[in-house]
């Protein structure tokens, strides 16, 4: 494989559409970015943070990969190449892999459940 490809420290090469996404931290508006390799010892490679305002519009706050993943790729390529490619991956994930409409629907459902509990 080419040294210009993003690689997880577990050894697998990752294309921008191969990440697994985990939307478990709904209350804090965070989506975890995971390695697609089920045997990966790092598993979590980064995250996206956002919040949903009263008009139910998503406001993207931050996206980043964790330093072990970044350092691994910067050492293999160069810091500049790795930084550029990882930024491209974050943009792709944000724009293409996340179903933001589903995130908003989950948010609405979560708010409705909270309101039902409060009125019960």
N, C-alpha and C. Protein backbone atom coordinates (compact mmCIF):
# COMPACT_ATOMS: atom_id res chain seq x y z
N UNK A 1 0.84 -1.19 0.00
CA UNK A 1 0.00 0.00 0.00
C UNK A 1 0.88 1.25 0.00
N UNK A 2 0.33 2.29 -0.50
CA UNK A 2 1.03 3.56 -0.60
C UNK A 2 1.17 4.22 0.76
N UNK A 3 2.28 4.91 0.95
CA UNK A 3 2.47 5.64 2.20
C UNK A 3 1.60 6.89 2.27
N UNK A 4 0.92 7.24 1.19
CA UNK A 4 0.03 8.39 1.19
C UNK A 4 -1.38 8.03 1.60
N UNK A 5 -1.58 6.81 2.05
CA UNK A 5 -2.90 6.37 2.52
C UNK A 5 -2.93 6.43 4.04
N UNK A 6 -4.10 6.79 4.56
CA UNK A 6 -4.27 6.83 6.02
C UNK A 6 -4.29 5.40 6.54
N UNK A 7 -3.58 5.20 7.64
CA UNK A 7 -3.49 3.87 8.24
C UNK A 7 -3.73 3.98 9.74
N UNK A 8 -4.49 3.04 10.27
CA UNK A 8 -4.67 2.94 11.71
C UNK A 8 -3.43 2.24 12.28
N UNK A 9 -3.02 2.56 13.50
CA UNK A 9 -1.89 1.84 14.10
C UNK A 9 -2.10 0.33 14.20
N UNK A 10 -3.35 -0.15 14.08
CA UNK A 10 -3.60 -1.59 14.11
C UNK A 10 -3.19 -2.25 12.79
N UNK A 11 -2.89 -1.44 11.78
CA UNK A 11 -2.38 -1.97 10.52
C UNK A 11 -3.28 -1.83 9.32
N UNK A 12 -4.57 -1.57 9.50
CA UNK A 12 -5.47 -1.47 8.36
C UNK A 12 -5.38 -0.08 7.73
N UNK A 13 -5.50 -0.05 6.42
CA UNK A 13 -5.56 1.22 5.69
C UNK A 13 -7.03 1.64 5.65
N UNK A 14 -7.27 2.92 5.82
CA UNK A 14 -8.64 3.42 5.93
C UNK A 14 -8.93 4.44 4.84
N UNK A 15 -9.94 4.13 4.05
CA UNK A 15 -10.45 5.10 3.08
C UNK A 15 -11.42 6.01 3.83
N UNK A 16 -11.70 7.16 3.25
CA UNK A 16 -12.54 8.13 3.95
C UNK A 16 -13.96 7.64 4.21
N UNK A 17 -14.40 6.61 3.51
CA UNK A 17 -15.76 6.11 3.72
C UNK A 17 -15.81 4.81 4.53
N UNK A 18 -14.70 4.43 5.16
CA UNK A 18 -14.65 3.15 5.87
C UNK A 18 -14.74 3.27 7.39
N UNK A 19 -14.85 4.45 7.91
CA UNK A 19 -14.94 4.61 9.37
C UNK A 19 -16.28 4.11 9.88
N UNK A 20 -16.28 3.61 11.09
CA UNK A 20 -17.53 3.31 11.78
C UNK A 20 -17.85 4.53 12.63
N UNK A 21 -19.11 4.87 12.73
CA UNK A 21 -19.53 6.01 13.52
C UNK A 21 -20.44 5.54 14.64
N UNK A 22 -20.25 6.09 15.82
CA UNK A 22 -21.03 5.70 16.98
C UNK A 22 -21.66 6.95 17.60
N UNK A 23 -22.99 7.01 17.55
CA UNK A 23 -23.72 8.14 18.09
C UNK A 23 -24.33 7.72 19.41
N UNK A 24 -23.47 7.55 20.41
CA UNK A 24 -23.91 7.07 21.71
C UNK A 24 -24.08 8.23 22.70
N UNK A 25 -23.28 9.26 22.54
CA UNK A 25 -23.27 10.38 23.48
C UNK A 25 -24.21 11.47 23.00
N UNK A 26 -25.50 11.14 22.93
CA UNK A 26 -26.49 12.05 22.37
C UNK A 26 -26.67 13.30 23.22
N UNK A 27 -26.61 13.16 24.53
CA UNK A 27 -26.84 14.31 25.40
C UNK A 27 -25.76 15.38 25.29
N UNK A 28 -24.56 14.98 24.92
CA UNK A 28 -23.48 15.96 24.79
C UNK A 28 -23.16 16.27 23.34
N UNK A 29 -23.94 15.73 22.41
CA UNK A 29 -23.77 16.03 20.99
C UNK A 29 -22.42 15.59 20.45
N UNK A 30 -22.12 14.32 20.61
CA UNK A 30 -20.84 13.81 20.15
C UNK A 30 -21.02 12.51 19.37
N UNK A 31 -20.31 12.42 18.26
CA UNK A 31 -20.27 11.20 17.46
C UNK A 31 -18.83 10.71 17.46
N UNK A 32 -18.63 9.48 17.89
CA UNK A 32 -17.30 8.90 17.91
C UNK A 32 -16.95 8.32 16.55
N UNK A 33 -15.70 8.50 16.15
CA UNK A 33 -15.18 7.94 14.90
C UNK A 33 -14.32 6.74 15.27
N UNK A 34 -14.70 5.58 14.75
CA UNK A 34 -14.03 4.33 15.11
C UNK A 34 -13.34 3.71 13.91
N UNK A 35 -12.31 2.91 14.17
CA UNK A 35 -11.66 2.10 13.15
C UNK A 35 -12.64 1.00 12.74
N UNK A 36 -12.66 0.68 11.47
CA UNK A 36 -13.58 -0.37 11.00
C UNK A 36 -13.11 -1.77 11.35
N UNK A 37 -11.86 -1.91 11.76
CA UNK A 37 -11.32 -3.22 12.14
C UNK A 37 -11.83 -3.60 13.52
N UNK A 38 -12.63 -4.65 13.61
CA UNK A 38 -13.21 -5.08 14.88
C UNK A 38 -12.15 -5.51 15.89
N UNK A 39 -10.95 -5.85 15.43
CA UNK A 39 -9.88 -6.29 16.33
C UNK A 39 -8.91 -5.17 16.69
N UNK A 40 -9.21 -3.95 16.28
CA UNK A 40 -8.34 -2.81 16.55
C UNK A 40 -8.21 -2.57 18.05
N UNK A 41 -6.99 -2.35 18.51
CA UNK A 41 -6.77 -2.11 19.93
C UNK A 41 -7.03 -0.65 20.31
N UNK A 42 -7.01 0.27 19.36
CA UNK A 42 -7.36 1.66 19.65
C UNK A 42 -8.86 1.86 19.62
N UNK A 43 -9.50 1.33 18.60
CA UNK A 43 -10.94 1.41 18.34
C UNK A 43 -11.37 2.84 18.04
N UNK A 44 -11.31 3.75 19.04
CA UNK A 44 -11.78 5.11 18.84
C UNK A 44 -10.65 5.98 18.30
N UNK A 45 -10.89 6.57 17.13
CA UNK A 45 -9.85 7.35 16.46
C UNK A 45 -10.08 8.85 16.56
N UNK A 46 -11.29 9.26 16.85
CA UNK A 46 -11.59 10.68 16.94
C UNK A 46 -13.06 10.91 17.24
N UNK A 47 -13.49 12.16 17.06
CA UNK A 47 -14.88 12.50 17.36
C UNK A 47 -15.31 13.76 16.61
N UNK A 48 -16.61 13.95 16.56
CA UNK A 48 -17.23 15.17 16.05
C UNK A 48 -18.13 15.69 17.16
N UNK A 49 -18.07 17.00 17.42
CA UNK A 49 -18.95 17.62 18.41
C UNK A 49 -19.86 18.61 17.71
N UNK A 50 -21.09 18.65 18.17
CA UNK A 50 -22.09 19.54 17.60
C UNK A 50 -23.15 19.81 18.65
N UNK A 51 -24.00 20.78 18.37
CA UNK A 51 -25.19 20.96 19.20
C UNK A 51 -26.35 21.33 18.30
N UNK A 52 -27.53 21.09 18.83
CA UNK A 52 -28.75 21.37 18.08
C UNK A 52 -29.48 22.48 18.82
N UNK A 53 -29.74 23.58 18.12
CA UNK A 53 -30.38 24.72 18.76
C UNK A 53 -31.90 24.55 18.84
N UNK A 54 -32.58 25.57 19.38
CA UNK A 54 -34.03 25.51 19.58
C UNK A 54 -34.79 25.33 18.27
N UNK A 55 -34.25 25.86 17.18
CA UNK A 55 -34.91 25.71 15.88
C UNK A 55 -34.57 24.37 15.22
N UNK A 56 -33.89 23.52 15.97
CA UNK A 56 -33.48 22.19 15.55
C UNK A 56 -32.54 22.22 14.35
N UNK A 57 -31.65 23.18 14.38
CA UNK A 57 -30.60 23.30 13.38
C UNK A 57 -29.30 22.81 14.02
N UNK A 58 -28.55 22.03 13.26
CA UNK A 58 -27.28 21.50 13.77
C UNK A 58 -26.19 22.55 13.59
N UNK A 59 -25.47 22.78 14.68
CA UNK A 59 -24.32 23.66 14.65
C UNK A 59 -23.09 22.81 14.96
N UNK A 60 -22.24 22.68 13.98
CA UNK A 60 -21.04 21.85 14.11
C UNK A 60 -19.99 22.62 14.90
N UNK A 61 -19.48 22.03 15.96
CA UNK A 61 -18.50 22.70 16.82
C UNK A 61 -17.06 22.33 16.49
N UNK A 62 -16.81 21.02 16.41
CA UNK A 62 -15.42 20.58 16.32
C UNK A 62 -15.35 19.15 15.82
N UNK A 63 -14.33 18.86 15.07
CA UNK A 63 -14.03 17.51 14.66
C UNK A 63 -12.54 17.31 14.78
N UNK A 64 -12.16 16.18 15.33
CA UNK A 64 -10.72 15.94 15.46
C UNK A 64 -10.44 14.46 15.61
N UNK A 65 -9.23 14.10 15.19
CA UNK A 65 -8.73 12.76 15.41
C UNK A 65 -7.79 12.81 16.61
N UNK A 66 -7.71 11.71 17.35
CA UNK A 66 -6.85 11.65 18.53
C UNK A 66 -5.38 11.53 18.14
N UNK A 67 -4.53 11.99 19.03
CA UNK A 67 -3.10 12.10 18.72
C UNK A 67 -2.41 10.78 18.35
N UNK A 68 -2.72 9.61 18.94
CA UNK A 68 -2.01 8.41 18.48
C UNK A 68 -2.24 8.13 16.99
N UNK A 69 -3.45 8.35 16.52
CA UNK A 69 -3.80 8.15 15.11
C UNK A 69 -3.11 9.18 14.23
N UNK A 70 -3.13 10.42 14.66
CA UNK A 70 -2.50 11.51 13.90
C UNK A 70 -0.99 11.31 13.85
N UNK A 71 -0.39 11.03 14.99
CA UNK A 71 1.07 10.86 15.07
C UNK A 71 1.53 9.68 14.22
N UNK A 72 0.78 8.60 14.28
CA UNK A 72 1.11 7.42 13.47
C UNK A 72 1.21 7.79 11.99
N UNK A 73 0.23 8.52 11.50
CA UNK A 73 0.20 8.89 10.09
C UNK A 73 1.22 9.98 9.76
N UNK A 74 1.45 10.90 10.67
CA UNK A 74 2.45 11.95 10.44
C UNK A 74 3.84 11.35 10.36
N UNK A 75 4.09 10.30 11.13
CA UNK A 75 5.39 9.62 11.10
C UNK A 75 5.57 8.85 9.80
N UNK A 76 4.51 8.26 9.30
CA UNK A 76 4.58 7.47 8.08
C UNK A 76 4.71 8.35 6.83
N UNK A 77 3.95 9.43 6.79
CA UNK A 77 3.94 10.32 5.62
C UNK A 77 4.85 11.49 5.92
N UNK A 78 4.24 12.58 6.17
CA UNK A 78 4.87 13.77 6.73
C UNK A 78 3.76 14.45 7.49
N UNK A 79 4.11 15.34 8.37
CA UNK A 79 3.09 16.00 9.17
C UNK A 79 2.10 16.76 8.27
N UNK A 80 2.61 17.42 7.26
CA UNK A 80 1.76 18.21 6.37
C UNK A 80 0.81 17.32 5.56
N UNK A 81 1.34 16.25 4.97
CA UNK A 81 0.49 15.35 4.17
C UNK A 81 -0.56 14.69 5.04
N UNK A 82 -0.16 14.21 6.22
CA UNK A 82 -1.10 13.55 7.12
C UNK A 82 -2.18 14.53 7.57
N UNK A 83 -1.79 15.74 7.91
CA UNK A 83 -2.74 16.75 8.35
C UNK A 83 -3.76 17.05 7.25
N UNK A 84 -3.28 17.25 6.04
CA UNK A 84 -4.18 17.53 4.92
C UNK A 84 -5.14 16.38 4.65
N UNK A 85 -4.62 15.16 4.66
CA UNK A 85 -5.46 13.99 4.36
C UNK A 85 -6.46 13.73 5.48
N UNK A 86 -6.04 13.90 6.72
CA UNK A 86 -6.97 13.68 7.84
C UNK A 86 -8.05 14.75 7.87
N UNK A 87 -7.72 15.98 7.53
CA UNK A 87 -8.74 17.03 7.42
C UNK A 87 -9.75 16.67 6.34
N UNK A 88 -9.25 16.17 5.22
CA UNK A 88 -10.13 15.76 4.14
C UNK A 88 -11.07 14.64 4.61
N UNK A 89 -10.52 13.70 5.39
CA UNK A 89 -11.34 12.62 5.93
C UNK A 89 -12.43 13.16 6.85
N UNK A 90 -12.08 14.10 7.73
CA UNK A 90 -13.07 14.68 8.64
C UNK A 90 -14.18 15.38 7.87
N UNK A 91 -13.82 16.12 6.85
CA UNK A 91 -14.82 16.81 6.03
C UNK A 91 -15.72 15.78 5.35
N UNK A 92 -15.13 14.74 4.80
CA UNK A 92 -15.92 13.70 4.13
C UNK A 92 -16.89 13.04 5.11
N UNK A 93 -16.41 12.70 6.29
CA UNK A 93 -17.25 12.07 7.31
C UNK A 93 -18.42 12.98 7.65
N UNK A 94 -18.12 14.25 7.90
CA UNK A 94 -19.14 15.22 8.29
C UNK A 94 -20.17 15.44 7.19
N UNK A 95 -19.73 15.51 5.97
CA UNK A 95 -20.63 15.84 4.87
C UNK A 95 -21.31 14.62 4.24
N UNK A 96 -20.71 13.44 4.35
CA UNK A 96 -21.22 12.29 3.59
C UNK A 96 -21.60 11.06 4.41
N UNK A 97 -20.97 10.85 5.53
CA UNK A 97 -21.22 9.61 6.27
C UNK A 97 -22.28 9.75 7.36
N UNK A 98 -22.49 10.95 7.82
CA UNK A 98 -23.45 11.16 8.90
C UNK A 98 -24.80 11.56 8.31
N UNK A 99 -25.82 10.87 8.74
CA UNK A 99 -27.18 11.21 8.35
C UNK A 99 -27.69 12.25 9.36
N UNK A 100 -27.45 13.51 9.05
CA UNK A 100 -27.80 14.59 9.99
C UNK A 100 -29.30 14.66 10.23
N UNK A 101 -30.09 14.31 9.25
CA UNK A 101 -31.54 14.30 9.44
C UNK A 101 -31.93 13.28 10.50
N UNK A 102 -31.29 12.12 10.47
CA UNK A 102 -31.54 11.09 11.48
C UNK A 102 -31.09 11.57 12.86
N UNK A 103 -29.99 12.28 12.92
CA UNK A 103 -29.51 12.84 14.19
C UNK A 103 -30.56 13.79 14.76
N UNK A 104 -31.13 14.65 13.91
CA UNK A 104 -32.16 15.58 14.36
C UNK A 104 -33.40 14.83 14.83
N UNK A 105 -33.80 13.80 14.09
CA UNK A 105 -34.96 12.99 14.49
C UNK A 105 -34.73 12.32 15.84
N UNK A 106 -33.54 11.79 16.06
CA UNK A 106 -33.20 11.17 17.35
C UNK A 106 -33.25 12.21 18.47
N UNK A 107 -32.76 13.40 18.17
CA UNK A 107 -32.77 14.49 19.14
C UNK A 107 -34.21 14.85 19.52
N UNK A 108 -35.09 14.97 18.52
CA UNK A 108 -36.50 15.28 18.77
C UNK A 108 -37.14 14.19 19.62
N UNK A 109 -36.88 12.94 19.28
CA UNK A 109 -37.43 11.81 20.03
C UNK A 109 -36.94 11.84 21.47
N UNK A 110 -35.69 12.16 21.67
CA UNK A 110 -35.10 12.22 23.00
C UNK A 110 -35.75 13.33 23.82
N UNK A 111 -35.98 14.49 23.20
CA UNK A 111 -36.64 15.61 23.89
C UNK A 111 -38.06 15.22 24.28
N UNK A 112 -38.77 14.59 23.36
CA UNK A 112 -40.15 14.17 23.64
C UNK A 112 -40.21 13.17 24.80
N UNK A 113 -39.27 12.25 24.86
CA UNK A 113 -39.23 11.28 25.97
C UNK A 113 -39.01 12.00 27.30
N UNK A 114 -38.10 12.98 27.29
CA UNK A 114 -37.83 13.74 28.52
C UNK A 114 -39.06 14.50 28.97
N UNK A 115 -39.78 15.10 28.03
CA UNK A 115 -40.99 15.85 28.36
C UNK A 115 -42.06 14.92 28.92
N UNK A 116 -42.20 13.73 28.34
CA UNK A 116 -43.18 12.76 28.83
C UNK A 116 -42.87 12.33 30.26
N UNK A 117 -41.59 12.15 30.55
CA UNK A 117 -41.18 11.75 31.90
C UNK A 117 -41.49 12.86 32.89
N UNK A 118 -41.26 14.11 32.46
CA UNK A 118 -41.49 15.25 33.35
C UNK A 118 -42.97 15.43 33.66
N UNK A 119 -43.82 15.11 32.70
CA UNK A 119 -45.27 15.28 32.92
C UNK A 119 -45.91 14.08 33.60
N UNK A 120 -45.18 12.99 33.68
CA UNK A 120 -45.74 11.77 34.32
C UNK A 120 -45.66 11.84 35.82
